[in-house]
mmCIF file of all heavy atoms, coordinates in Angstrom:
data_MODEL
# 
_entry.id   MODEL 
# 
loop_
_atom_site.group_PDB 
_atom_site.id 
_atom_site.type_symbol 
_atom_site.label_atom_id 
_atom_site.label_alt_id 
_atom_site.label_comp_id 
_atom_site.label_asym_id 
_atom_site.label_entity_id 
_atom_site.label_seq_id 
_atom_site.pdbx_PDB_ins_code 
_atom_site.Cartn_x 
_atom_site.Cartn_y 
_atom_site.Cartn_z 
_atom_site.occupancy 
_atom_site.B_iso_or_equiv 
_atom_site.pdbx_formal_charge 
_atom_site.auth_seq_id 
_atom_site.auth_comp_id 
_atom_site.auth_asym_id 
_atom_site.auth_atom_id 
_atom_site.pdbx_PDB_model_num 
ATOM 1   N N   . HIS A 1 1  ? 31.528 24.937 -16.444 1.00 0.00 ? 1  HIS A N   1 
ATOM 2   C CA  . HIS A 1 1  ? 32.785 24.834 -17.144 1.00 0.00 ? 1  HIS A CA  1 
ATOM 3   C C   . HIS A 1 1  ? 33.098 23.381 -17.440 1.00 0.00 ? 1  HIS A C   1 
ATOM 4   O O   . HIS A 1 1  ? 33.576 22.950 -18.477 1.00 0.00 ? 1  HIS A O   1 
ATOM 5   C CB  . HIS A 1 1  ? 33.915 25.540 -16.511 1.00 0.00 ? 1  HIS A CB  1 
ATOM 6   C CG  . HIS A 1 1  ? 35.136 25.429 -17.061 1.00 0.00 ? 1  HIS A CG  1 
ATOM 7   N ND1 . HIS A 1 1  ? 35.655 26.101 -18.084 1.00 0.00 ? 1  HIS A ND1 1 
ATOM 8   C CD2 . HIS A 1 1  ? 36.251 24.506 -16.912 1.00 0.00 ? 1  HIS A CD2 1 
ATOM 9   C CE1 . HIS A 1 1  ? 36.878 25.738 -18.584 1.00 0.00 ? 1  HIS A CE1 1 
ATOM 10  N NE2 . HIS A 1 1  ? 37.282 24.767 -17.819 1.00 0.00 ? 1  HIS A NE2 1 
ATOM 11  N N   . VAL A 1 2  ? 32.848 22.592 -16.381 1.00 0.00 ? 2  VAL A N   1 
ATOM 12  C CA  . VAL A 1 2  ? 33.331 21.046 -16.426 1.00 0.00 ? 2  VAL A CA  1 
ATOM 13  C C   . VAL A 1 2  ? 32.242 20.394 -17.060 1.00 0.00 ? 2  VAL A C   1 
ATOM 14  O O   . VAL A 1 2  ? 31.131 20.029 -16.616 1.00 0.00 ? 2  VAL A O   1 
ATOM 15  C CB  . VAL A 1 2  ? 33.663 20.511 -15.056 1.00 0.00 ? 2  VAL A CB  1 
ATOM 16  C CG1 . VAL A 1 2  ? 34.258 19.152 -15.293 1.00 0.00 ? 2  VAL A CG1 1 
ATOM 17  C CG2 . VAL A 1 2  ? 34.808 21.471 -14.605 1.00 0.00 ? 2  VAL A CG2 1 
ATOM 18  N N   . LYS A 1 3  ? 32.406 19.933 -18.284 1.00 0.00 ? 3  LYS A N   1 
ATOM 19  C CA  . LYS A 1 3  ? 31.403 19.131 -19.101 1.00 0.00 ? 3  LYS A CA  1 
ATOM 20  C C   . LYS A 1 3  ? 31.246 17.652 -18.351 1.00 0.00 ? 3  LYS A C   1 
ATOM 21  O O   . LYS A 1 3  ? 32.215 16.999 -17.943 1.00 0.00 ? 3  LYS A O   1 
ATOM 22  C CB  . LYS A 1 3  ? 31.827 18.883 -20.484 1.00 0.00 ? 3  LYS A CB  1 
ATOM 23  C CG  . LYS A 1 3  ? 32.093 20.247 -21.400 1.00 0.00 ? 3  LYS A CG  1 
ATOM 24  C CD  . LYS A 1 3  ? 30.816 21.132 -21.115 1.00 0.00 ? 3  LYS A CD  1 
ATOM 25  C CE  . LYS A 1 3  ? 31.025 22.435 -21.954 1.00 0.00 ? 3  LYS A CE  1 
ATOM 26  N NZ  . LYS A 1 3  ? 29.866 23.401 -21.756 1.00 0.00 ? 3  LYS A NZ  1 
ATOM 27  N N   . GLY A 1 4  ? 30.039 17.295 -18.162 1.00 0.00 ? 4  GLY A N   1 
ATOM 28  C CA  . GLY A 1 4  ? 29.771 16.029 -17.525 1.00 0.00 ? 4  GLY A CA  1 
ATOM 29  C C   . GLY A 1 4  ? 29.546 16.172 -16.093 1.00 0.00 ? 4  GLY A C   1 
ATOM 30  O O   . GLY A 1 4  ? 29.239 15.100 -15.422 1.00 0.00 ? 4  GLY A O   1 
ATOM 31  N N   . ASP A 1 5  ? 29.754 17.347 -15.517 1.00 0.00 ? 5  ASP A N   1 
ATOM 32  C CA  . ASP A 1 5  ? 29.452 17.428 -14.073 1.00 0.00 ? 5  ASP A CA  1 
ATOM 33  C C   . ASP A 1 5  ? 28.014 17.395 -13.709 1.00 0.00 ? 5  ASP A C   1 
ATOM 34  O O   . ASP A 1 5  ? 27.555 17.267 -12.577 1.00 0.00 ? 5  ASP A O   1 
ATOM 35  C CB  . ASP A 1 5  ? 30.141 18.651 -13.486 1.00 0.00 ? 5  ASP A CB  1 
ATOM 36  C CG  . ASP A 1 5  ? 31.498 18.459 -13.071 1.00 0.00 ? 5  ASP A CG  1 
ATOM 37  O OD1 . ASP A 1 5  ? 32.013 17.313 -13.319 1.00 0.00 ? 5  ASP A OD1 1 
ATOM 38  O OD2 . ASP A 1 5  ? 32.122 19.358 -12.538 1.00 0.00 ? 5  ASP A OD2 1 
ATOM 39  N N   . ALA A 1 6  ? 27.006 17.618 -14.777 1.00 0.00 ? 6  ALA A N   1 
ATOM 40  C CA  . ALA A 1 6  ? 25.588 17.456 -14.607 1.00 0.00 ? 6  ALA A CA  1 
ATOM 41  C C   . ALA A 1 6  ? 25.112 16.934 -15.921 1.00 0.00 ? 6  ALA A C   1 
ATOM 42  O O   . ALA A 1 6  ? 25.578 17.262 -16.896 1.00 0.00 ? 6  ALA A O   1 
ATOM 43  C CB  . ALA A 1 6  ? 25.063 18.764 -14.202 1.00 0.00 ? 6  ALA A CB  1 
ATOM 44  N N   . PRO A 1 7  ? 23.891 16.354 -15.845 1.00 0.00 ? 7  PRO A N   1 
ATOM 45  C CA  . PRO A 1 7  ? 23.233 15.873 -17.096 1.00 0.00 ? 7  PRO A CA  1 
ATOM 46  C C   . PRO A 1 7  ? 22.877 17.166 -17.967 1.00 0.00 ? 7  PRO A C   1 
ATOM 47  O O   . PRO A 1 7  ? 22.764 18.262 -17.304 1.00 0.00 ? 7  PRO A O   1 
ATOM 48  C CB  . PRO A 1 7  ? 22.016 15.116 -16.621 1.00 0.00 ? 7  PRO A CB  1 
ATOM 49  C CG  . PRO A 1 7  ? 22.448 14.738 -15.266 1.00 0.00 ? 7  PRO A CG  1 
ATOM 50  C CD  . PRO A 1 7  ? 23.314 15.778 -14.659 1.00 0.00 ? 7  PRO A CD  1 
ATOM 51  N N   . ASP A 1 8  ? 22.494 17.063 -19.105 1.00 0.00 ? 8  ASP A N   1 
ATOM 52  C CA  . ASP A 1 8  ? 21.951 18.125 -19.922 1.00 0.00 ? 8  ASP A CA  1 
ATOM 53  C C   . ASP A 1 8  ? 20.887 18.712 -19.348 1.00 0.00 ? 8  ASP A C   1 
ATOM 54  O O   . ASP A 1 8  ? 19.967 18.075 -18.895 1.00 0.00 ? 8  ASP A O   1 
ATOM 55  C CB  . ASP A 1 8  ? 21.808 17.537 -21.393 1.00 0.00 ? 8  ASP A CB  1 
ATOM 56  C CG  . ASP A 1 8  ? 22.986 17.089 -22.183 1.00 0.00 ? 8  ASP A CG  1 
ATOM 57  O OD1 . ASP A 1 8  ? 24.102 17.720 -21.797 1.00 0.00 ? 8  ASP A OD1 1 
ATOM 58  O OD2 . ASP A 1 8  ? 22.765 16.466 -23.126 1.00 0.00 ? 8  ASP A OD2 1 
ATOM 59  N N   . GLY A 1 9  ? 20.775 20.062 -19.345 1.00 0.00 ? 9  GLY A N   1 
ATOM 60  C CA  . GLY A 1 9  ? 19.632 20.710 -18.714 1.00 0.00 ? 9  GLY A CA  1 
ATOM 61  C C   . GLY A 1 9  ? 19.696 20.778 -17.282 1.00 0.00 ? 9  GLY A C   1 
ATOM 62  O O   . GLY A 1 9  ? 18.607 21.106 -16.683 1.00 0.00 ? 9  GLY A O   1 
ATOM 63  N N   . CYS A 1 10 ? 20.781 20.444 -16.644 1.00 0.00 ? 10 CYS A N   1 
ATOM 64  C CA  . CYS A 1 10 ? 20.746 20.434 -15.222 1.00 0.00 ? 10 CYS A CA  1 
ATOM 65  C C   . CYS A 1 10 ? 22.085 21.160 -14.696 1.00 0.00 ? 10 CYS A C   1 
ATOM 66  O O   . CYS A 1 10 ? 23.115 21.377 -15.515 1.00 0.00 ? 10 CYS A O   1 
ATOM 67  C CB  . CYS A 1 10 ? 20.772 19.037 -14.647 1.00 0.00 ? 10 CYS A CB  1 
ATOM 68  S SG  . CYS A 1 10 ? 19.274 18.123 -14.958 1.00 0.00 ? 10 CYS A SG  1 
ATOM 69  N N   . GLU A 1 11 ? 22.227 21.358 -13.460 1.00 0.00 ? 11 GLU A N   1 
ATOM 70  C CA  . GLU A 1 11 ? 23.419 21.921 -12.933 1.00 0.00 ? 11 GLU A CA  1 
ATOM 71  C C   . GLU A 1 11 ? 23.605 21.369 -11.377 1.00 0.00 ? 11 GLU A C   1 
ATOM 72  O O   . GLU A 1 11 ? 22.846 20.930 -10.902 1.00 0.00 ? 11 GLU A O   1 
ATOM 73  C CB  . GLU A 1 11 ? 23.254 23.531 -12.704 1.00 0.00 ? 11 GLU A CB  1 
ATOM 74  C CG  . GLU A 1 11 ? 23.055 24.286 -13.970 1.00 0.00 ? 11 GLU A CG  1 
ATOM 75  C CD  . GLU A 1 11 ? 22.739 25.705 -13.800 1.00 0.00 ? 11 GLU A CD  1 
ATOM 76  O OE1 . GLU A 1 11 ? 22.227 26.080 -12.709 1.00 0.00 ? 11 GLU A OE1 1 
ATOM 77  O OE2 . GLU A 1 11 ? 22.867 26.503 -14.745 1.00 0.00 ? 11 GLU A OE2 1 
ATOM 78  N N   . ASN A 1 12 ? 25.063 21.455 -11.161 1.00 0.00 ? 12 ASN A N   1 
ATOM 79  C CA  . ASN A 1 12 ? 25.582 20.829 -9.842  1.00 0.00 ? 12 ASN A CA  1 
ATOM 80  C C   . ASN A 1 12 ? 25.668 22.052 -9.002  1.00 0.00 ? 12 ASN A C   1 
ATOM 81  O O   . ASN A 1 12 ? 26.727 22.753 -9.144  1.00 0.00 ? 12 ASN A O   1 
ATOM 82  C CB  . ASN A 1 12 ? 26.614 20.069 -9.903  1.00 0.00 ? 12 ASN A CB  1 
ATOM 83  C CG  . ASN A 1 12 ? 27.942 20.559 -10.447 1.00 0.00 ? 12 ASN A CG  1 
ATOM 84  O OD1 . ASN A 1 12 ? 27.854 21.597 -11.266 1.00 0.00 ? 12 ASN A OD1 1 
ATOM 85  N ND2 . ASN A 1 12 ? 29.147 19.972 -10.240 1.00 0.00 ? 12 ASN A ND2 1 
ATOM 86  N N   . TRP A 1 13 ? 24.953 22.246 -7.957  1.00 0.00 ? 13 TRP A N   1 
ATOM 87  C CA  . TRP A 1 13 ? 25.153 23.518 -7.065  1.00 0.00 ? 13 TRP A CA  1 
ATOM 88  C C   . TRP A 1 13 ? 25.743 23.036 -5.743  1.00 0.00 ? 13 TRP A C   1 
ATOM 89  O O   . TRP A 1 13 ? 25.289 22.094 -5.054  1.00 0.00 ? 13 TRP A O   1 
ATOM 90  C CB  . TRP A 1 13 ? 23.749 24.156 -6.745  1.00 0.00 ? 13 TRP A CB  1 
ATOM 91  C CG  . TRP A 1 13 ? 23.167 24.914 -7.835  1.00 0.00 ? 13 TRP A CG  1 
ATOM 92  C CD1 . TRP A 1 13 ? 23.253 24.801 -9.090  1.00 0.00 ? 13 TRP A CD1 1 
ATOM 93  C CD2 . TRP A 1 13 ? 22.169 25.915 -7.637  1.00 0.00 ? 13 TRP A CD2 1 
ATOM 94  N NE1 . TRP A 1 13 ? 22.396 25.625 -9.855  1.00 0.00 ? 13 TRP A NE1 1 
ATOM 95  C CE2 . TRP A 1 13 ? 21.868 26.424 -9.004  1.00 0.00 ? 13 TRP A CE2 1 
ATOM 96  C CE3 . TRP A 1 13 ? 21.651 26.605 -6.543  1.00 0.00 ? 13 TRP A CE3 1 
ATOM 97  C CZ2 . TRP A 1 13 ? 20.885 27.439 -9.147  1.00 0.00 ? 13 TRP A CZ2 1 
ATOM 98  C CZ3 . TRP A 1 13 ? 20.615 27.764 -6.790  1.00 0.00 ? 13 TRP A CZ3 1 
ATOM 99  C CH2 . TRP A 1 13 ? 20.274 28.017 -8.104  1.00 0.00 ? 13 TRP A CH2 1 
ATOM 100 N N   . PHE A 1 14 ? 26.897 23.794 -5.461  1.00 0.00 ? 14 PHE A N   1 
ATOM 101 C CA  . PHE A 1 14 ? 27.496 23.524 -4.107  1.00 0.00 ? 14 PHE A CA  1 
ATOM 102 C C   . PHE A 1 14 ? 27.192 24.923 -3.364  1.00 0.00 ? 14 PHE A C   1 
ATOM 103 O O   . PHE A 1 14 ? 27.816 25.976 -3.742  1.00 0.00 ? 14 PHE A O   1 
ATOM 104 C CB  . PHE A 1 14 ? 28.978 23.244 -4.199  1.00 0.00 ? 14 PHE A CB  1 
ATOM 105 C CG  . PHE A 1 14 ? 29.685 23.191 -2.921  1.00 0.00 ? 14 PHE A CG  1 
ATOM 106 C CD1 . PHE A 1 14 ? 29.053 22.804 -1.706  1.00 0.00 ? 14 PHE A CD1 1 
ATOM 107 C CD2 . PHE A 1 14 ? 31.082 23.236 -2.916  1.00 0.00 ? 14 PHE A CD2 1 
ATOM 108 C CE1 . PHE A 1 14 ? 29.675 22.672 -0.536  1.00 0.00 ? 14 PHE A CE1 1 
ATOM 109 C CE2 . PHE A 1 14 ? 31.814 23.093 -1.669  1.00 0.00 ? 14 PHE A CE2 1 
ATOM 110 C CZ  . PHE A 1 14 ? 31.161 22.828 -0.519  1.00 0.00 ? 14 PHE A CZ  1 
ATOM 111 N N   . VAL A 1 15 ? 26.388 24.895 -2.307  1.00 0.00 ? 15 VAL A N   1 
ATOM 112 C CA  . VAL A 1 15 ? 25.925 26.120 -1.697  1.00 0.00 ? 15 VAL A CA  1 
ATOM 113 C C   . VAL A 1 15 ? 26.484 26.159 -0.306  1.00 0.00 ? 15 VAL A C   1 
ATOM 114 O O   . VAL A 1 15 ? 26.201 25.249 0.463   1.00 0.00 ? 15 VAL A O   1 
ATOM 115 C CB  . VAL A 1 15 ? 24.364 26.230 -1.732  1.00 0.00 ? 15 VAL A CB  1 
ATOM 116 C CG1 . VAL A 1 15 ? 23.892 27.557 -1.108  1.00 0.00 ? 15 VAL A CG1 1 
ATOM 117 C CG2 . VAL A 1 15 ? 23.764 26.050 -3.089  1.00 0.00 ? 15 VAL A CG2 1 
ATOM 118 N N   . ILE A 1 16 ? 27.055 27.297 0.064   1.00 0.00 ? 16 ILE A N   1 
ATOM 119 C CA  . ILE A 1 16 ? 27.742 27.368 1.476   1.00 0.00 ? 16 ILE A CA  1 
ATOM 120 C C   . ILE A 1 16 ? 27.372 28.688 2.132   1.00 0.00 ? 16 ILE A C   1 
ATOM 121 O O   . ILE A 1 16 ? 27.235 29.653 1.574   1.00 0.00 ? 16 ILE A O   1 
ATOM 122 C CB  . ILE A 1 16 ? 29.322 27.402 1.203   1.00 0.00 ? 16 ILE A CB  1 
ATOM 123 C CG1 . ILE A 1 16 ? 29.882 26.079 0.630   1.00 0.00 ? 16 ILE A CG1 1 
ATOM 124 C CG2 . ILE A 1 16 ? 29.999 27.696 2.502   1.00 0.00 ? 16 ILE A CG2 1 
ATOM 125 C CD1 . ILE A 1 16 ? 31.316 26.113 0.342   1.00 0.00 ? 16 ILE A CD1 1 
ATOM 126 N N   . ILE A 1 17 ? 27.122 28.476 3.476   1.00 0.00 ? 17 ILE A N   1 
ATOM 127 C CA  . ILE A 1 17 ? 27.071 29.629 4.222   1.00 0.00 ? 17 ILE A CA  1 
ATOM 128 C C   . ILE A 1 17 ? 28.154 29.411 5.442   1.00 0.00 ? 17 ILE A C   1 
ATOM 129 O O   . ILE A 1 17 ? 28.480 28.340 5.760   1.00 0.00 ? 17 ILE A O   1 
ATOM 130 C CB  . ILE A 1 17 ? 25.632 29.938 4.887   1.00 0.00 ? 17 ILE A CB  1 
ATOM 131 C CG1 . ILE A 1 17 ? 25.262 28.785 5.904   1.00 0.00 ? 17 ILE A CG1 1 
ATOM 132 C CG2 . ILE A 1 17 ? 24.648 30.018 3.872   1.00 0.00 ? 17 ILE A CG2 1 
ATOM 133 C CD1 . ILE A 1 17 ? 24.125 29.127 6.797   1.00 0.00 ? 17 ILE A CD1 1 
ATOM 134 N N   . ILE A 1 18 ? 28.580 30.501 5.962   1.00 0.00 ? 18 ILE A N   1 
ATOM 135 C CA  . ILE A 1 18 ? 29.473 30.319 6.987   1.00 0.00 ? 18 ILE A CA  1 
ATOM 136 C C   . ILE A 1 18 ? 28.787 30.009 8.374   1.00 0.00 ? 18 ILE A C   1 
ATOM 137 O O   . ILE A 1 18 ? 27.710 30.472 8.574   1.00 0.00 ? 18 ILE A O   1 
ATOM 138 C CB  . ILE A 1 18 ? 30.311 31.713 7.218   1.00 0.00 ? 18 ILE A CB  1 
ATOM 139 C CG1 . ILE A 1 18 ? 31.418 31.627 8.320   1.00 0.00 ? 18 ILE A CG1 1 
ATOM 140 C CG2 . ILE A 1 18 ? 29.357 32.915 7.590   1.00 0.00 ? 18 ILE A CG2 1 
ATOM 141 C CD1 . ILE A 1 18 ? 32.429 32.846 8.268   1.00 0.00 ? 18 ILE A CD1 1 
ATOM 142 N N   . ALA A 1 19 ? 29.492 29.167 9.112   1.00 0.00 ? 19 ALA A N   1 
ATOM 143 C CA  . ALA A 1 19 ? 28.858 28.648 10.428  1.00 0.00 ? 19 ALA A CA  1 
ATOM 144 C C   . ALA A 1 19 ? 29.935 28.635 11.382  1.00 0.00 ? 19 ALA A C   1 
ATOM 145 O O   . ALA A 1 19 ? 31.173 28.583 11.125  1.00 0.00 ? 19 ALA A O   1 
ATOM 146 C CB  . ALA A 1 19 ? 28.185 27.264 10.169  1.00 0.00 ? 19 ALA A CB  1 
ATOM 147 N N   . PRO A 1 20 ? 29.520 28.652 12.775  1.00 0.00 ? 20 PRO A N   1 
ATOM 148 C CA  . PRO A 1 20 ? 30.503 28.375 13.813  1.00 0.00 ? 20 PRO A CA  1 
ATOM 149 C C   . PRO A 1 20 ? 31.174 26.942 13.790  1.00 0.00 ? 20 PRO A C   1 
ATOM 150 O O   . PRO A 1 20 ? 30.457 26.103 13.199  1.00 0.00 ? 20 PRO A O   1 
ATOM 151 C CB  . PRO A 1 20 ? 29.711 28.745 14.989  1.00 0.00 ? 20 PRO A CB  1 
ATOM 152 C CG  . PRO A 1 20 ? 28.261 28.269 14.670  1.00 0.00 ? 20 PRO A CG  1 
ATOM 153 C CD  . PRO A 1 20 ? 28.107 28.701 13.244  1.00 0.00 ? 20 PRO A CD  1 
ATOM 154 N N   . ASN A 1 21 ? 32.228 26.741 14.419  1.00 0.00 ? 21 ASN A N   1 
ATOM 155 C CA  . ASN A 1 21 ? 32.633 25.538 14.644  1.00 0.00 ? 21 ASN A CA  1 
ATOM 156 C C   . ASN A 1 21 ? 31.757 24.791 15.689  1.00 0.00 ? 21 ASN A C   1 
ATOM 157 O O   . ASN A 1 21 ? 30.880 25.442 16.256  1.00 0.00 ? 21 ASN A O   1 
ATOM 158 C CB  . ASN A 1 21 ? 34.114 25.419 14.964  1.00 0.00 ? 21 ASN A CB  1 
ATOM 159 C CG  . ASN A 1 21 ? 34.521 26.210 16.221  1.00 0.00 ? 21 ASN A CG  1 
ATOM 160 O OD1 . ASN A 1 21 ? 33.793 25.984 17.319  1.00 0.00 ? 21 ASN A OD1 1 
ATOM 161 N ND2 . ASN A 1 21 ? 35.355 27.047 16.171  1.00 0.00 ? 21 ASN A ND2 1 
ATOM 162 N N   . ASP A 1 22 ? 31.959 23.473 15.940  1.00 0.00 ? 22 ASP A N   1 
ATOM 163 C CA  . ASP A 1 22 ? 30.997 22.622 16.611  1.00 0.00 ? 22 ASP A CA  1 
ATOM 164 C C   . ASP A 1 22 ? 31.270 22.709 18.204  1.00 0.00 ? 22 ASP A C   1 
ATOM 165 O O   . ASP A 1 22 ? 32.288 22.399 18.621  1.00 0.00 ? 22 ASP A O   1 
ATOM 166 C CB  . ASP A 1 22 ? 31.115 21.236 16.069  1.00 0.00 ? 22 ASP A CB  1 
ATOM 167 C CG  . ASP A 1 22 ? 30.202 20.305 16.810  1.00 0.00 ? 22 ASP A CG  1 
ATOM 168 O OD1 . ASP A 1 22 ? 29.041 20.787 17.288  1.00 0.00 ? 22 ASP A OD1 1 
ATOM 169 O OD2 . ASP A 1 22 ? 30.489 19.071 17.008  1.00 0.00 ? 22 ASP A OD2 1 
ATOM 170 N N   . LYS A 1 23 ? 30.271 23.217 18.760  1.00 0.00 ? 23 LYS A N   1 
ATOM 171 C CA  . LYS A 1 23 ? 30.371 23.368 20.323  1.00 0.00 ? 23 LYS A CA  1 
ATOM 172 C C   . LYS A 1 23 ? 29.029 22.652 20.804  1.00 0.00 ? 23 LYS A C   1 
ATOM 173 O O   . LYS A 1 23 ? 28.587 23.038 21.987  1.00 0.00 ? 23 LYS A O   1 
ATOM 174 C CB  . LYS A 1 23 ? 30.465 24.702 20.692  1.00 0.00 ? 23 LYS A CB  1 
ATOM 175 C CG  . LYS A 1 23 ? 31.768 25.438 20.325  1.00 0.00 ? 23 LYS A CG  1 
ATOM 176 C CD  . LYS A 1 23 ? 31.800 26.953 20.907  1.00 0.00 ? 23 LYS A CD  1 
ATOM 177 C CE  . LYS A 1 23 ? 33.223 27.616 20.646  1.00 0.00 ? 23 LYS A CE  1 
ATOM 178 N NZ  . LYS A 1 23 ? 33.388 27.801 19.184  1.00 0.00 ? 23 LYS A NZ  1 
ATOM 179 N N   . GLY A 1 24 ? 28.550 21.708 20.048  1.00 0.00 ? 24 GLY A N   1 
ATOM 180 C CA  . GLY A 1 24 ? 27.438 20.946 20.551  1.00 0.00 ? 24 GLY A CA  1 
ATOM 181 C C   . GLY A 1 24 ? 26.091 21.586 20.204  1.00 0.00 ? 24 GLY A C   1 
ATOM 182 O O   . GLY A 1 24 ? 25.007 21.274 20.886  1.00 0.00 ? 24 GLY A O   1 
ATOM 183 N N   . GLN A 1 25 ? 25.960 22.507 19.220  1.00 0.00 ? 25 GLN A N   1 
ATOM 184 C CA  . GLN A 1 25 ? 24.746 23.116 18.842  1.00 0.00 ? 25 GLN A CA  1 
ATOM 185 C C   . GLN A 1 25 ? 23.756 22.100 18.250  1.00 0.00 ? 25 GLN A C   1 
ATOM 186 O O   . GLN A 1 25 ? 24.178 21.041 17.836  1.00 0.00 ? 25 GLN A O   1 
ATOM 187 C CB  . GLN A 1 25 ? 24.980 24.178 17.697  1.00 0.00 ? 25 GLN A CB  1 
ATOM 188 C CG  . GLN A 1 25 ? 25.852 25.389 18.226  1.00 0.00 ? 25 GLN A CG  1 
ATOM 189 C CD  . GLN A 1 25 ? 27.273 25.203 17.894  1.00 0.00 ? 25 GLN A CD  1 
ATOM 190 O OE1 . GLN A 1 25 ? 27.753 24.075 17.923  1.00 0.00 ? 25 GLN A OE1 1 
ATOM 191 N NE2 . GLN A 1 25 ? 28.080 26.303 17.528  1.00 0.00 ? 25 GLN A NE2 1 
ATOM 192 N N   . SER A 1 26 ? 22.496 22.425 18.181  1.00 0.00 ? 26 SER A N   1 
ATOM 193 C CA  . SER A 1 26 ? 21.530 21.617 17.457  1.00 0.00 ? 26 SER A CA  1 
ATOM 194 C C   . SER A 1 26 ? 21.601 21.674 16.060  1.00 0.00 ? 26 SER A C   1 
ATOM 195 O O   . SER A 1 26 ? 20.970 22.675 15.542  1.00 0.00 ? 26 SER A O   1 
ATOM 196 C CB  . SER A 1 26 ? 20.084 21.944 18.060  1.00 0.00 ? 26 SER A CB  1 
ATOM 197 O OG  . SER A 1 26 ? 19.118 21.218 17.391  1.00 0.00 ? 26 SER A OG  1 
ATOM 198 N N   . TRP A 1 27 ? 22.421 20.973 15.405  1.00 0.00 ? 27 TRP A N   1 
ATOM 199 C CA  . TRP A 1 27 ? 22.751 21.128 14.017  1.00 0.00 ? 27 TRP A CA  1 
ATOM 200 C C   . TRP A 1 27 ? 21.519 20.884 13.008  1.00 0.00 ? 27 TRP A C   1 
ATOM 201 O O   . TRP A 1 27 ? 21.253 21.476 11.998  1.00 0.00 ? 27 TRP A O   1 
ATOM 202 C CB  . TRP A 1 27 ? 23.937 20.360 13.569  1.00 0.00 ? 27 TRP A CB  1 
ATOM 203 C CG  . TRP A 1 27 ? 25.184 21.124 14.090  1.00 0.00 ? 27 TRP A CG  1 
ATOM 204 C CD1 . TRP A 1 27 ? 25.843 20.577 15.272  1.00 0.00 ? 27 TRP A CD1 1 
ATOM 205 C CD2 . TRP A 1 27 ? 25.699 22.387 13.817  1.00 0.00 ? 27 TRP A CD2 1 
ATOM 206 N NE1 . TRP A 1 27 ? 26.954 21.445 15.566  1.00 0.00 ? 27 TRP A NE1 1 
ATOM 207 C CE2 . TRP A 1 27 ? 26.847 22.510 14.678  1.00 0.00 ? 27 TRP A CE2 1 
ATOM 208 C CE3 . TRP A 1 27 ? 25.457 23.290 12.777  1.00 0.00 ? 27 TRP A CE3 1 
ATOM 209 C CZ2 . TRP A 1 27 ? 27.668 23.705 14.673  1.00 0.00 ? 27 TRP A CZ2 1 
ATOM 210 C CZ3 . TRP A 1 27 ? 26.301 24.358 12.752  1.00 0.00 ? 27 TRP A CZ3 1 
ATOM 211 C CH2 . TRP A 1 27 ? 27.426 24.564 13.622  1.00 0.00 ? 27 TRP A CH2 1 
ATOM 212 N N   . ASP A 1 28 ? 20.737 19.965 13.492  1.00 0.00 ? 28 ASP A N   1 
ATOM 213 C CA  . ASP A 1 28 ? 19.484 19.784 12.598  1.00 0.00 ? 28 ASP A CA  1 
ATOM 214 C C   . ASP A 1 28 ? 18.669 20.949 12.461  1.00 0.00 ? 28 ASP A C   1 
ATOM 215 O O   . ASP A 1 28 ? 18.100 21.239 11.439  1.00 0.00 ? 28 ASP A O   1 
ATOM 216 C CB  . ASP A 1 28 ? 18.710 18.522 13.155  1.00 0.00 ? 28 ASP A CB  1 
ATOM 217 C CG  . ASP A 1 28 ? 19.530 17.147 12.993  1.00 0.00 ? 28 ASP A CG  1 
ATOM 218 O OD1 . ASP A 1 28 ? 20.374 17.073 12.196  1.00 0.00 ? 28 ASP A OD1 1 
ATOM 219 O OD2 . ASP A 1 28 ? 18.981 16.277 13.759  1.00 0.00 ? 28 ASP A OD2 1 
ATOM 220 N N   . GLN A 1 29 ? 18.610 21.661 13.681  1.00 0.00 ? 29 GLN A N   1 
ATOM 221 C CA  . GLN A 1 29 ? 17.699 22.834 13.640  1.00 0.00 ? 29 GLN A CA  1 
ATOM 222 C C   . GLN A 1 29 ? 18.328 23.947 12.827  1.00 0.00 ? 29 GLN A C   1 
ATOM 223 O O   . GLN A 1 29 ? 17.709 24.618 12.022  1.00 0.00 ? 29 GLN A O   1 
ATOM 224 C CB  . GLN A 1 29 ? 17.384 23.242 14.971  1.00 0.00 ? 29 GLN A CB  1 
ATOM 225 C CG  . GLN A 1 29 ? 16.474 22.388 15.727  1.00 0.00 ? 29 GLN A CG  1 
ATOM 226 C CD  . GLN A 1 29 ? 16.218 22.966 17.227  1.00 0.00 ? 29 GLN A CD  1 
ATOM 227 O OE1 . GLN A 1 29 ? 16.552 24.059 17.647  1.00 0.00 ? 29 GLN A OE1 1 
ATOM 228 N NE2 . GLN A 1 29 ? 15.610 22.150 18.169  1.00 0.00 ? 29 GLN A NE2 1 
ATOM 229 N N   . LEU A 1 30 ? 19.651 24.062 12.846  1.00 0.00 ? 30 LEU A N   1 
ATOM 230 C CA  . LEU A 1 30 ? 20.448 25.067 12.207  1.00 0.00 ? 30 LEU A CA  1 
ATOM 231 C C   . LEU A 1 30 ? 20.391 24.939 10.764  1.00 0.00 ? 30 LEU A C   1 
ATOM 232 O O   . LEU A 1 30 ? 20.339 25.741 10.022  1.00 0.00 ? 30 LEU A O   1 
ATOM 233 C CB  . LEU A 1 30 ? 21.829 25.253 12.795  1.00 0.00 ? 30 LEU A CB  1 
ATOM 234 C CG  . LEU A 1 30 ? 22.102 25.709 14.202  1.00 0.00 ? 30 LEU A CG  1 
ATOM 235 C CD1 . LEU A 1 30 ? 23.472 25.834 14.679  1.00 0.00 ? 30 LEU A CD1 1 
ATOM 236 C CD2 . LEU A 1 30 ? 21.453 27.217 14.335  1.00 0.00 ? 30 LEU A CD2 1 
# 
């Protein structure tokens, strides 16, 4: 919808999954 948010022929993806809050997990692995 927003013109200029990506170059022609491209798209800007914001991809989310739900995760727990931080309790010291190994986030690099997750």
